[in-house]
Amino acid sequence: MELSFEDALRRLEEIVEMLERGDLPLEEALKLYEEGITLYRVCNKKLDEAEYKVETLVNEGGEIKMEKFEGEG
């Protein structure tokens, strides 16, 4: 089962908090770091997919044109 973006981000935040405390044995910290990297990649992939979906197809005179969403910021 694939994690949702929200679930992956929530778990990633938990891992960051645990690692920031600095009280974990090295072996456990490394395992959490590995899991965090994997979750980061999942989140990044989902954000890329969402960005692509936000780019809308617009039909202008029979031509399909990609318009990139310009967010705030």
Protein backbone atom coordinates (compact mmCIF):
# COMPACT_ATOMS: atom_id res chain seq x y z
CA MET A 1 0.00 0.00 0.00
CA GLU A 2 1.34 3.40 -0.98
CA LEU A 3 1.38 6.17 1.62
CA SER A 4 -0.56 9.34 1.05
CA PHE A 5 1.38 12.58 1.00
CA GLU A 6 -0.09 13.56 4.36
CA ASP A 7 0.82 10.25 6.00
CA ALA A 8 4.35 10.34 4.60
CA LEU A 9 4.84 13.93 5.73
CA ARG A 10 3.45 13.19 9.19
CA ARG A 11 5.84 10.25 9.63
CA LEU A 12 8.74 12.32 8.29
CA GLU A 13 8.00 15.02 10.87
CA GLU A 14 7.99 12.37 13.62
CA ILE A 15 11.37 11.09 12.46
CA VAL A 16 12.85 14.59 12.38
CA GLU A 17 11.65 15.21 15.94
CA MET A 18 13.18 11.94 17.16
CA LEU A 19 16.49 12.63 15.44
CA GLU A 20 16.62 16.21 16.72
CA ARG A 21 16.36 15.00 20.33
CA GLY A 22 19.70 13.27 19.82
CA ASP A 23 19.07 10.54 22.39
CA LEU A 24 18.84 7.56 20.01
CA PRO A 25 21.45 4.84 19.65
CA LEU A 26 23.44 5.25 16.44
CA GLU A 27 21.98 2.16 14.77
CA GLU A 28 18.40 3.30 15.38
CA ALA A 29 19.20 6.84 14.25
CA LEU A 30 20.63 5.48 10.99
CA LYS A 31 17.52 3.38 10.36
CA LEU A 32 15.29 6.39 11.00
CA TYR A 33 17.47 8.55 8.75
CA GLU A 34 17.11 5.98 5.96
CA GLU A 35 13.35 5.88 6.43
CA GLY A 36 13.29 9.67 6.41
CA ILE A 37 15.15 9.83 3.10
CA THR A 38 12.66 7.37 1.59
CA LEU A 39 9.73 9.41 2.91
CA TYR A 40 11.30 12.62 1.59
CA ARG A 41 11.46 11.05 -1.87
CA VAL A 42 7.82 9.92 -1.63
CA CYS A 43 6.73 13.43 -0.65
CA ASN A 44 8.83 15.04 -3.36
CA LYS A 45 7.42 12.70 -6.01
CA LYS A 46 3.86 13.42 -4.91
CA LEU A 47 4.51 17.16 -4.97
CA ASP A 48 5.92 16.88 -8.49
CA GLU A 49 2.82 14.93 -9.55
CA ALA A 50 0.54 17.53 -7.97
CA GLU A 51 2.41 20.35 -9.70
CA TYR A 52 1.98 18.59 -13.03
CA LYS A 53 -1.76 18.15 -12.41
CA VAL A 54 -2.07 21.84 -11.59
CA GLU A 55 -0.72 22.62 -15.04
CA THR A 56 -3.98 22.77 -16.93
CA LEU A 57 -4.81 21.81 -20.47
CA VAL A 58 -6.52 24.68 -22.24
CA ASN A 59 -8.24 24.25 -25.58
CA GLU A 60 -7.56 27.33 -27.74
CA GLY A 61 -8.70 27.12 -31.34
CA GLY A 62 -8.23 23.36 -31.44
CA GLU A 63 -4.71 23.52 -30.01
CA ILE A 64 -3.89 22.10 -26.65
CA LYS A 65 -1.66 24.37 -24.62
CA MET A 66 -0.05 23.72 -21.25
CA GLU A 67 -0.38 26.58 -18.79
CA LYS A 68 1.73 26.45 -15.68
CA PHE A 69 -0.01 27.43 -12.46
CA GLU A 70 1.66 30.45 -10.90
CA GLY A 71 1.20 30.10 -7.17
CA GLU A 72 1.50 32.79 -4.57
CA GLY A 73 4.90 33.57 -3.20
